[in-house]
Amino acid sequence: MLPEYQYMGYRYTPWEDKDIDVIKICHYIKMPEHLGGKEMHGPWSPYMTPTLEQFQEFILEWEYGKVD
């Protein structure tokens, strides 16, 4: 089972895209309601799962405008 994280109102909810010969992880992040509750994709490789610290770092960078 893949981990789910929450931080500063953002929620990380990954899911596995299973194929015959490979499993890829889709990294979905739901924004807080005050930002419209939209979903965005995380920047990580589909072959790895981010740690809680990596997720928190991404959110902090996103909040401060350092992530494209």
N, C-alpha and C. Protein backbone atom coordinates (compact mmCIF):
# COMPACT_ATOMS: atom_id res chain seq x y z
N MET A 1 0.83 -1.17 0.00
CA MET A 1 0.00 0.00 0.00
C MET A 1 0.89 1.25 0.00
N LEU A 2 0.51 2.22 -0.81
CA LEU A 2 1.28 3.45 -0.91
C LEU A 2 0.91 4.42 0.20
N PRO A 3 1.89 5.21 0.67
CA PRO A 3 1.59 6.16 1.74
C PRO A 3 0.79 7.36 1.23
N GLU A 4 -0.02 7.93 2.09
CA GLU A 4 -0.72 9.18 1.81
C GLU A 4 -0.26 10.18 2.85
N TYR A 5 -0.01 11.42 2.40
CA TYR A 5 0.48 12.45 3.29
C TYR A 5 -0.44 13.67 3.25
N GLN A 6 -0.41 14.44 4.35
CA GLN A 6 -1.10 15.73 4.40
C GLN A 6 -0.13 16.74 5.02
N TYR A 7 -0.15 17.96 4.45
CA TYR A 7 0.72 19.01 4.96
C TYR A 7 0.20 20.35 4.48
N MET A 8 -0.01 21.28 5.42
CA MET A 8 -0.47 22.63 5.11
C MET A 8 -1.74 22.65 4.25
N GLY A 9 -2.61 21.66 4.46
CA GLY A 9 -3.86 21.60 3.70
C GLY A 9 -3.76 20.86 2.38
N TYR A 10 -2.55 20.48 1.96
CA TYR A 10 -2.33 19.70 0.74
C TYR A 10 -2.39 18.22 1.10
N ARG A 11 -2.91 17.43 0.17
CA ARG A 11 -3.03 15.99 0.41
C ARG A 11 -2.40 15.22 -0.76
N TYR A 12 -1.45 14.37 -0.45
CA TYR A 12 -0.77 13.53 -1.44
C TYR A 12 -1.49 12.19 -1.48
N THR A 13 -2.03 11.84 -2.66
CA THR A 13 -2.75 10.57 -2.82
C THR A 13 -2.26 9.86 -4.08
N PRO A 14 -1.25 9.02 -3.93
CA PRO A 14 -0.72 8.31 -5.09
C PRO A 14 -1.60 7.11 -5.45
N TRP A 15 -1.46 6.66 -6.68
CA TRP A 15 -2.09 5.41 -7.08
C TRP A 15 -1.18 4.71 -8.09
N GLU A 16 -1.31 3.41 -8.14
CA GLU A 16 -0.46 2.60 -9.03
C GLU A 16 -1.14 2.38 -10.38
N ASP A 17 -0.41 2.67 -11.42
CA ASP A 17 -0.85 2.41 -12.79
C ASP A 17 -0.18 1.09 -13.20
N LYS A 18 -0.91 0.00 -13.08
CA LYS A 18 -0.35 -1.33 -13.31
C LYS A 18 -0.53 -1.74 -14.76
N ASP A 19 0.57 -2.21 -15.33
CA ASP A 19 0.57 -2.74 -16.69
C ASP A 19 1.12 -4.16 -16.61
N ILE A 20 1.19 -4.84 -17.71
CA ILE A 20 1.66 -6.23 -17.73
C ILE A 20 3.08 -6.36 -17.20
N ASP A 21 3.97 -5.44 -17.60
CA ASP A 21 5.37 -5.59 -17.25
C ASP A 21 5.94 -4.48 -16.35
N VAL A 22 5.11 -3.53 -15.94
CA VAL A 22 5.63 -2.43 -15.13
C VAL A 22 4.51 -1.81 -14.28
N ILE A 23 4.90 -1.28 -13.14
CA ILE A 23 3.97 -0.53 -12.29
C ILE A 23 4.55 0.87 -12.13
N LYS A 24 3.74 1.86 -12.49
CA LYS A 24 4.15 3.26 -12.33
C LYS A 24 3.27 3.90 -11.26
N ILE A 25 3.85 4.83 -10.53
CA ILE A 25 3.10 5.53 -9.50
C ILE A 25 2.71 6.91 -10.02
N CYS A 26 1.43 7.20 -9.94
CA CYS A 26 0.91 8.53 -10.31
C CYS A 26 0.82 9.34 -9.03
N HIS A 27 1.48 10.50 -9.02
CA HIS A 27 1.59 11.33 -7.82
C HIS A 27 0.58 12.48 -7.87
N TYR A 28 -0.58 12.29 -7.27
CA TYR A 28 -1.60 13.34 -7.24
C TYR A 28 -1.54 14.09 -5.92
N ILE A 29 -1.66 15.41 -6.03
CA ILE A 29 -1.69 16.26 -4.84
C ILE A 29 -2.92 17.15 -4.95
N LYS A 30 -3.77 17.07 -3.95
CA LYS A 30 -4.96 17.93 -3.91
C LYS A 30 -4.61 19.18 -3.13
N MET A 31 -4.91 20.34 -3.74
CA MET A 31 -4.65 21.62 -3.10
C MET A 31 -5.72 21.89 -2.03
N PRO A 32 -5.41 22.78 -1.09
CA PRO A 32 -6.40 23.16 -0.08
C PRO A 32 -7.63 23.82 -0.72
N GLU A 33 -8.73 23.79 -0.01
CA GLU A 33 -9.98 24.36 -0.52
C GLU A 33 -9.85 25.85 -0.83
N HIS A 34 -9.08 26.59 -0.03
CA HIS A 34 -8.95 28.03 -0.29
C HIS A 34 -8.18 28.31 -1.59
N LEU A 35 -7.56 27.30 -2.15
CA LEU A 35 -6.91 27.40 -3.46
C LEU A 35 -7.73 26.70 -4.54
N GLY A 36 -8.96 26.39 -4.23
CA GLY A 36 -9.86 25.79 -5.20
C GLY A 36 -9.96 24.28 -5.14
N GLY A 37 -9.17 23.64 -4.28
CA GLY A 37 -9.23 22.19 -4.15
C GLY A 37 -8.83 21.44 -5.41
N LYS A 38 -8.09 22.10 -6.30
CA LYS A 38 -7.68 21.47 -7.56
C LYS A 38 -6.62 20.41 -7.31
N GLU A 39 -6.41 19.56 -8.31
CA GLU A 39 -5.36 18.54 -8.23
C GLU A 39 -4.20 18.92 -9.13
N MET A 40 -3.01 18.57 -8.68
CA MET A 40 -1.81 18.75 -9.50
C MET A 40 -0.98 17.48 -9.38
N HIS A 41 -0.06 17.33 -10.30
CA HIS A 41 0.84 16.17 -10.28
C HIS A 41 2.12 16.53 -9.55
N GLY A 42 2.61 15.60 -8.76
CA GLY A 42 3.89 15.80 -8.08
C GLY A 42 5.04 15.62 -9.07
N PRO A 43 6.21 16.14 -8.74
CA PRO A 43 7.35 16.14 -9.66
C PRO A 43 8.19 14.87 -9.66
N TRP A 44 7.82 13.87 -8.90
CA TRP A 44 8.67 12.71 -8.72
C TRP A 44 8.54 11.70 -9.85
N SER A 45 9.56 10.89 -9.98
CA SER A 45 9.59 9.82 -10.97
C SER A 45 8.44 8.84 -10.70
N PRO A 46 7.85 8.27 -11.76
CA PRO A 46 6.78 7.30 -11.55
C PRO A 46 7.30 5.97 -10.99
N TYR A 47 8.61 5.88 -10.80
CA TYR A 47 9.20 4.64 -10.29
C TYR A 47 9.69 4.77 -8.85
N MET A 48 9.30 5.86 -8.17
CA MET A 48 9.69 6.04 -6.77
C MET A 48 8.54 6.66 -6.00
N THR A 49 8.58 6.48 -4.70
CA THR A 49 7.60 7.08 -3.81
C THR A 49 8.32 8.12 -2.96
N PRO A 50 7.84 9.36 -2.94
CA PRO A 50 8.51 10.37 -2.12
C PRO A 50 8.32 10.09 -0.63
N THR A 51 9.28 10.55 0.14
CA THR A 51 9.14 10.48 1.59
C THR A 51 8.27 11.64 2.05
N LEU A 52 7.85 11.59 3.29
CA LEU A 52 7.09 12.70 3.85
C LEU A 52 7.90 14.00 3.76
N GLU A 53 9.19 13.91 4.03
CA GLU A 53 10.05 15.09 3.97
C GLU A 53 10.12 15.66 2.56
N GLN A 54 10.19 14.81 1.55
CA GLN A 54 10.21 15.28 0.16
C GLN A 54 8.89 15.94 -0.22
N PHE A 55 7.79 15.39 0.25
CA PHE A 55 6.48 15.98 0.00
C PHE A 55 6.40 17.36 0.67
N GLN A 56 6.82 17.45 1.92
CA GLN A 56 6.78 18.73 2.63
C GLN A 56 7.67 19.76 1.94
N GLU A 57 8.84 19.35 1.50
CA GLU A 57 9.74 20.27 0.79
C GLU A 57 9.09 20.79 -0.49
N PHE A 58 8.44 19.91 -1.24
CA PHE A 58 7.76 20.33 -2.47
C PHE A 58 6.67 21.34 -2.16
N ILE A 59 5.87 21.09 -1.12
CA ILE A 59 4.79 22.01 -0.77
C ILE A 59 5.34 23.37 -0.35
N LEU A 60 6.39 23.38 0.43
CA LEU A 60 6.99 24.65 0.84
C LEU A 60 7.51 25.43 -0.37
N GLU A 61 8.15 24.73 -1.30
CA GLU A 61 8.65 25.38 -2.52
C GLU A 61 7.47 25.89 -3.36
N TRP A 62 6.41 25.11 -3.44
CA TRP A 62 5.22 25.50 -4.22
C TRP A 62 4.58 26.76 -3.61
N GLU A 63 4.45 26.76 -2.29
CA GLU A 63 3.82 27.90 -1.60
C GLU A 63 4.62 29.18 -1.78
N TYR A 64 5.93 29.06 -1.85
CA TYR A 64 6.78 30.25 -1.97
C TYR A 64 7.18 30.56 -3.42
N GLY A 65 6.58 29.87 -4.38
CA GLY A 65 6.75 30.19 -5.78
C GLY A 65 8.06 29.77 -6.42
N LYS A 66 8.73 28.76 -5.85
CA LYS A 66 10.01 28.33 -6.40
C LYS A 66 9.90 27.15 -7.34
N VAL A 67 8.70 26.56 -7.46
CA VAL A 67 8.48 25.40 -8.32
C VAL A 67 7.75 25.86 -9.56
N ASP A 68 8.22 25.44 -10.73
CA ASP A 68 7.57 25.81 -11.99
C ASP A 68 6.27 25.06 -12.17
